[in-house]
Amino acid sequence: MRPAAIIALFALVWLAVSGSFTVPNLLLGIAAGALSLALIRGHVRPDGRRIRPLKVLSLLVLFLRELALSAFKVALLVASPKMALKPGIFAFPLTVDRDFEIALLANLITLTPGTLSVDVSEDRKVLYVHALDCSDPAGMRRAIAGGFERKIMEAFR
């Protein structure tokens, strides 16, 4: 079934359920039908990749959670009297390959307290990340790969 027909069907169901057959309510039904279809199917980009709105929302939730946790950890590090920090830069091998995905990952890392994206290699295979506490770079690589990078690939592929 074509998307326009599905949206029209959703709009008709909306009119029947709401019991109000007005033009504004019809427009609301069309908008709700289009949004429902977008959430179910996702958007297909010209390069054949999809944008999945629910996965984008999942990425946003992950970012907000990491933002809160990292802010708390940085506050504890800074407030501790000894401040046992081991700052450093580590190389993160990229699985994402498109400029948009790399830029999004770099920005999410930079916006998370305690980390900063420094540079991307010429071949776009490695992202260099500065961490306030780089005592476990392998663990940080795993966390980024299993968190932000995985969610980006789920949302935009």
C-alpha atoms as a PDB file:
ATOM      1  CA  MET A   1       0.000   0.000   0.000  1.00  0.00           C
ATOM      2  CA  ARG A   2       1.306   3.464  -0.846  1.00  0.00           C
ATOM      3  CA  PRO A   3       2.200   5.866   1.968  1.00  0.00           C
ATOM      4  CA  ALA A   4      -0.413   8.439   0.872  1.00  0.00           C
ATOM      5  CA  ALA A   5      -3.153   5.789   1.022  1.00  0.00           C
ATOM      6  CA  ILE A   6      -2.024   4.657   4.468  1.00  0.00           C
ATOM      7  CA  ILE A   7      -2.004   8.254   5.738  1.00  0.00           C
ATOM      8  CA  ALA A   8      -5.485   8.813   4.257  1.00  0.00           C
ATOM      9  CA  LEU A   9      -6.713   5.653   5.965  1.00  0.00           C
ATOM     10  CA  PHE A  10      -5.209   6.790   9.275  1.00  0.00           C
ATOM     11  CA  ALA A  11      -6.874  10.216   8.837  1.00  0.00           C
ATOM     12  CA  LEU A  12     -10.270   8.616   8.165  1.00  0.00           C
ATOM     13  CA  VAL A  13      -9.921   6.418  11.230  1.00  0.00           C
ATOM     14  CA  TRP A  14      -8.974   9.519  13.210  1.00  0.00           C
ATOM     15  CA  LEU A  15     -12.100  11.348  12.010  1.00  0.00           C
ATOM     16  CA  ALA A  16     -14.295   8.368  12.903  1.00  0.00           C
ATOM     17  CA  VAL A  17     -12.755   7.908  16.351  1.00  0.00           C
ATOM     18  CA  SER A  18     -12.817  11.598  17.248  1.00  0.00           C
ATOM     19  CA  GLY A  19     -16.349  12.099  15.892  1.00  0.00           C
ATOM     20  CA  SER A  20     -15.475  15.551  14.580  1.00  0.00           C
ATOM     21  CA  PHE A  21     -15.571  15.908  10.790  1.00  0.00           C
ATOM     22  CA  THR A  22     -14.006  19.365  10.483  1.00  0.00           C
ATOM     23  CA  VAL A  23     -11.157  20.540   8.268  1.00  0.00           C
ATOM     24  CA  PRO A  24      -8.807  21.280  11.208  1.00  0.00           C
ATOM     25  CA  ASN A  25      -9.493  17.821  12.630  1.00  0.00           C
ATOM     26  CA  LEU A  26      -8.868  16.278   9.181  1.00  0.00           C
ATOM     27  CA  LEU A  27      -5.529  18.119   8.992  1.00  0.00           C
ATOM     28  CA  LEU A  28      -4.698  16.878  12.484  1.00  0.00           C
ATOM     29  CA  GLY A  29      -5.568  13.335  11.373  1.00  0.00           C
ATOM     30  CA  ILE A  30      -3.306  13.646   8.334  1.00  0.00           C
ATOM     31  CA  ALA A  31      -0.461  14.947  10.496  1.00  0.00           C
ATOM     32  CA  ALA A  32      -0.968  12.175  13.055  1.00  0.00           C
ATOM     33  CA  GLY A  33      -1.105   9.581  10.253  1.00  0.00           C
ATOM     34  CA  ALA A  34       2.095  10.884   8.673  1.00  0.00           C
ATOM     35  CA  LEU A  35       3.869  10.936  12.031  1.00  0.00           C
ATOM     36  CA  SER A  36       2.658   7.419  12.825  1.00  0.00           C
ATOM     37  CA  LEU A  37       3.858   6.147   9.464  1.00  0.00           C
ATOM     38  CA  ALA A  38       7.215   7.882   9.909  1.00  0.00           C
ATOM     39  CA  LEU A  39       7.670   6.311  13.334  1.00  0.00           C
ATOM     40  CA  ILE A  40       6.773   2.876  12.038  1.00  0.00           C
ATOM     41  CA  ARG A  41       8.714   2.900   8.785  1.00  0.00           C
ATOM     42  CA  GLY A  42      11.416   5.513   9.271  1.00  0.00           C
ATOM     43  CA  HIS A  43      12.534   7.901   6.560  1.00  0.00           C
ATOM     44  CA  VAL A  44      14.552   6.647   3.598  1.00  0.00           C
ATOM     45  CA  ARG A  45      17.270   9.058   2.505  1.00  0.00           C
ATOM     46  CA  PRO A  46      18.402   9.444  -1.115  1.00  0.00           C
ATOM     47  CA  ASP A  47      21.495   7.310  -0.394  1.00  0.00           C
ATOM     48  CA  GLY A  48      19.223   4.429   0.641  1.00  0.00           C
ATOM     49  CA  ARG A  49      19.862   4.754   4.366  1.00  0.00           C
ATOM     50  CA  ARG A  50      17.037   5.199   6.846  1.00  0.00           C
ATOM     51  CA  ILE A  51      16.388   7.650   9.627  1.00  0.00           C
ATOM     52  CA  ARG A  52      14.589   5.861  12.430  1.00  0.00           C
ATOM     53  CA  PRO A  53      12.869   8.400  14.708  1.00  0.00           C
ATOM     54  CA  LEU A  54      12.471   6.030  17.669  1.00  0.00           C
ATOM     55  CA  LYS A  55      16.167   5.130  17.483  1.00  0.00           C
ATOM     56  CA  VAL A  56      17.029   8.849  17.317  1.00  0.00           C
ATOM     57  CA  LEU A  57      14.975   9.283  20.481  1.00  0.00           C
ATOM     58  CA  SER A  58      16.879   6.370  22.037  1.00  0.00           C
ATOM     59  CA  LEU A  59      20.158   8.113  21.126  1.00  0.00           C
ATOM     60  CA  LEU A  60      18.905  11.304  22.769  1.00  0.00           C
ATOM     61  CA  VAL A  61      17.974   9.420  25.947  1.00  0.00           C
ATOM     62  CA  LEU A  62      21.422   7.782  26.010  1.00  0.00           C
ATOM     63  CA  PHE A  63      23.082  11.182  25.572  1.00  0.00           C
ATOM     64  CA  LEU A  64      21.077  12.731  28.416  1.00  0.00           C
ATOM     65  CA  ARG A  65      21.916   9.801  30.673  1.00  0.00           C
ATOM     66  CA  GLU A  66      25.635   9.991  29.811  1.00  0.00           C
ATOM     67  CA  LEU A  67      25.543  13.759  30.272  1.00  0.00           C
ATOM     68  CA  ALA A  68      24.163  13.408  33.798  1.00  0.00           C
ATOM     69  CA  LEU A  69      26.515  10.568  34.774  1.00  0.00           C
ATOM     70  CA  SER A  70      29.594  12.284  33.363  1.00  0.00           C
ATOM     71  CA  ALA A  71      28.729  15.593  34.996  1.00  0.00           C
ATOM     72  CA  PHE A  72      28.420  13.789  38.328  1.00  0.00           C
ATOM     73  CA  LYS A  73      31.738  11.955  37.843  1.00  0.00           C
ATOM     74  CA  VAL A  74      33.563  15.152  36.858  1.00  0.00           C
ATOM     75  CA  ALA A  75      32.096  16.974  39.843  1.00  0.00           C
ATOM     76  CA  LEU A  76      33.330  14.201  42.144  1.00  0.00           C
ATOM     77  CA  LEU A  77      36.797  14.290  40.557  1.00  0.00           C
ATOM     78  CA  VAL A  78      37.086  18.045  40.860  1.00  0.00           C
ATOM     79  CA  ALA A  79      35.691  18.165  44.408  1.00  0.00           C
ATOM     80  CA  SER A  80      37.944  15.418  45.734  1.00  0.00           C
ATOM     81  CA  PRO A  81      40.887  16.775  47.730  1.00  0.00           C
ATOM     82  CA  LYS A  82      43.485  14.592  46.035  1.00  0.00           C
ATOM     83  CA  MET A  83      42.272  14.919  42.411  1.00  0.00           C
ATOM     84  CA  ALA A  84      43.946  11.756  41.144  1.00  0.00           C
ATOM     85  CA  LEU A  85      43.537  12.496  37.453  1.00  0.00           C
ATOM     86  CA  LYS A  86      45.304  10.896  34.561  1.00  0.00           C
ATOM     87  CA  PRO A  87      44.399  13.034  31.548  1.00  0.00           C
ATOM     88  CA  GLY A  88      45.323  11.816  28.114  1.00  0.00           C
ATOM     89  CA  ILE A  89      44.425  11.374  24.478  1.00  0.00           C
ATOM     90  CA  PHE A  90      43.389   8.025  23.039  1.00  0.00           C
ATOM     91  CA  ALA A  91      42.620   6.870  19.512  1.00  0.00           C
ATOM     92  CA  PHE A  92      39.100   5.612  18.876  1.00  0.00           C
ATOM     93  CA  PRO A  93      38.761   3.462  15.713  1.00  0.00           C
ATOM     94  CA  LEU A  94      35.626   4.576  13.885  1.00  0.00           C
ATOM     95  CA  THR A  95      32.983   2.205  12.596  1.00  0.00           C
ATOM     96  CA  VAL A  96      30.786   5.050  11.351  1.00  0.00           C
ATOM     97  CA  ASP A  97      31.929   6.246   7.948  1.00  0.00           C
ATOM     98  CA  ARG A  98      29.775   9.163   6.794  1.00  0.00           C
ATOM     99  CA  ASP A  99      30.680  12.755   7.604  1.00  0.00           C
ATOM    100  CA  PHE A 100      27.348  13.348   9.370  1.00  0.00           C
ATOM    101  CA  GLU A 101      27.797  10.305  11.601  1.00  0.00           C
ATOM    102  CA  ILE A 102      31.416  11.167  12.433  1.00  0.00           C
ATOM    103  CA  ALA A 103      30.493  14.778  13.225  1.00  0.00           C
ATOM    104  CA  LEU A 104      27.554  13.680  15.386  1.00  0.00           C
ATOM    105  CA  LEU A 105      29.728  11.215  17.318  1.00  0.00           C
ATOM    106  CA  ALA A 106      32.470  13.817  17.798  1.00  0.00           C
ATOM    107  CA  ASN A 107      29.943  16.378  19.044  1.00  0.00           C
ATOM    108  CA  LEU A 108      28.269  13.942  21.444  1.00  0.00           C
ATOM    109  CA  ILE A 109      31.675  13.080  22.886  1.00  0.00           C
ATOM    110  CA  THR A 110      32.630  16.757  23.188  1.00  0.00           C
ATOM    111  CA  LEU A 111      29.321  17.674  24.837  1.00  0.00           C
ATOM    112  CA  THR A 112      29.822  14.967  27.466  1.00  0.00           C
ATOM    113  CA  PRO A 113      31.741  16.409  30.456  1.00  0.00           C
ATOM    114  CA  GLY A 114      35.257  15.055  30.862  1.00  0.00           C
ATOM    115  CA  THR A 115      35.834  14.217  27.184  1.00  0.00           C
ATOM    116  CA  LEU A 116      36.715  16.247  24.130  1.00  0.00           C
ATOM    117  CA  SER A 117      37.013  15.217  20.483  1.00  0.00           C
ATOM    118  CA  VAL A 118      40.359  16.513  19.312  1.00  0.00           C
ATOM    119  CA  ASP A 119      40.804  15.412  15.701  1.00  0.00           C
ATOM    120  CA  VAL A 120      39.801  12.937  13.013  1.00  0.00           C
ATOM    121  CA  SER A 121      42.461  11.178  10.965  1.00  0.00           C
ATOM    122  CA  GLU A 122      42.843  12.075   7.284  1.00  0.00           C
ATOM    123  CA  ASP A 123      41.334   8.752   6.195  1.00  0.00           C
ATOM    124  CA  ARG A 124      38.371   9.243   8.617  1.00  0.00           C
ATOM    125  CA  LYS A 125      39.087   5.927  10.336  1.00  0.00           C
ATOM    126  CA  VAL A 126      40.246   7.221  13.747  1.00  0.00           C
ATOM    127  CA  LEU A 127      38.834   9.818  16.127  1.00  0.00           C
ATOM    128  CA  TYR A 128      41.237  11.209  18.719  1.00  0.00           C
ATOM    129  CA  VAL A 129      39.598  11.895  22.071  1.00  0.00           C
ATOM    130  CA  HIS A 130      40.989  13.726  25.098  1.00  0.00           C
ATOM    131  CA  ALA A 131      39.724  12.437  28.435  1.00  0.00           C
ATOM    132  CA  LEU A 132      40.041  14.074  31.812  1.00  0.00           C
ATOM    133  CA  ASP A 133      40.677  10.647  33.313  1.00  0.00           C
ATOM    134  CA  CYS A 134      42.282   8.357  30.742  1.00  0.00           C
ATOM    135  CA  SER A 135      43.304   5.606  33.156  1.00  0.00           C
ATOM    136  CA  ASP A 136      41.348   2.980  31.132  1.00  0.00           C
ATOM    137  CA  PRO A 137      41.414   3.920  27.422  1.00  0.00           C
ATOM    138  CA  ALA A 138      40.270   0.437  26.347  1.00  0.00           C
ATOM    139  CA  GLY A 139      37.214   0.746  28.581  1.00  0.00           C
ATOM    140  CA  MET A 140      36.453   4.184  27.175  1.00  0.00           C
ATOM    141  CA  ARG A 141      36.720   2.817  23.622  1.00  0.00           C
ATOM    142  CA  ARG A 142      34.279   0.029  24.506  1.00  0.00           C
ATOM    143  CA  ALA A 143      31.890   2.501  26.129  1.00  0.00           C
ATOM    144  CA  ILE A 144      31.858   4.807  23.088  1.00  0.00           C
ATOM    145  CA  ALA A 145      31.550   1.927  20.617  1.00  0.00           C
ATOM    146  CA  GLY A 146      28.773   0.234  22.579  1.00  0.00           C
ATOM    147  CA  GLY A 147      27.001   3.492  23.388  1.00  0.00           C
ATOM    148  CA  PHE A 148      27.043   6.517  21.121  1.00  0.00           C
ATOM    149  CA  GLU A 149      28.469   4.849  18.015  1.00  0.00           C
ATOM    150  CA  ARG A 150      26.099   1.867  18.131  1.00  0.00           C
ATOM    151  CA  LYS A 151      23.072   4.143  18.680  1.00  0.00           C
ATOM    152  CA  ILE A 152      24.121   6.393  15.792  1.00  0.00           C
ATOM    153  CA  MET A 153      24.365   3.416  13.451  1.00  0.00           C
ATOM    154  CA  GLU A 154      20.975   2.134  14.611  1.00  0.00           C
ATOM    155  CA  ALA A 155      19.325   5.524  14.110  1.00  0.00           C
ATOM    156  CA  PHE A 156      20.794   6.501  10.742  1.00  0.00           C
ATOM    157  CA  ARG A 157      21.356   3.279   8.768  1.00  0.00           C
END
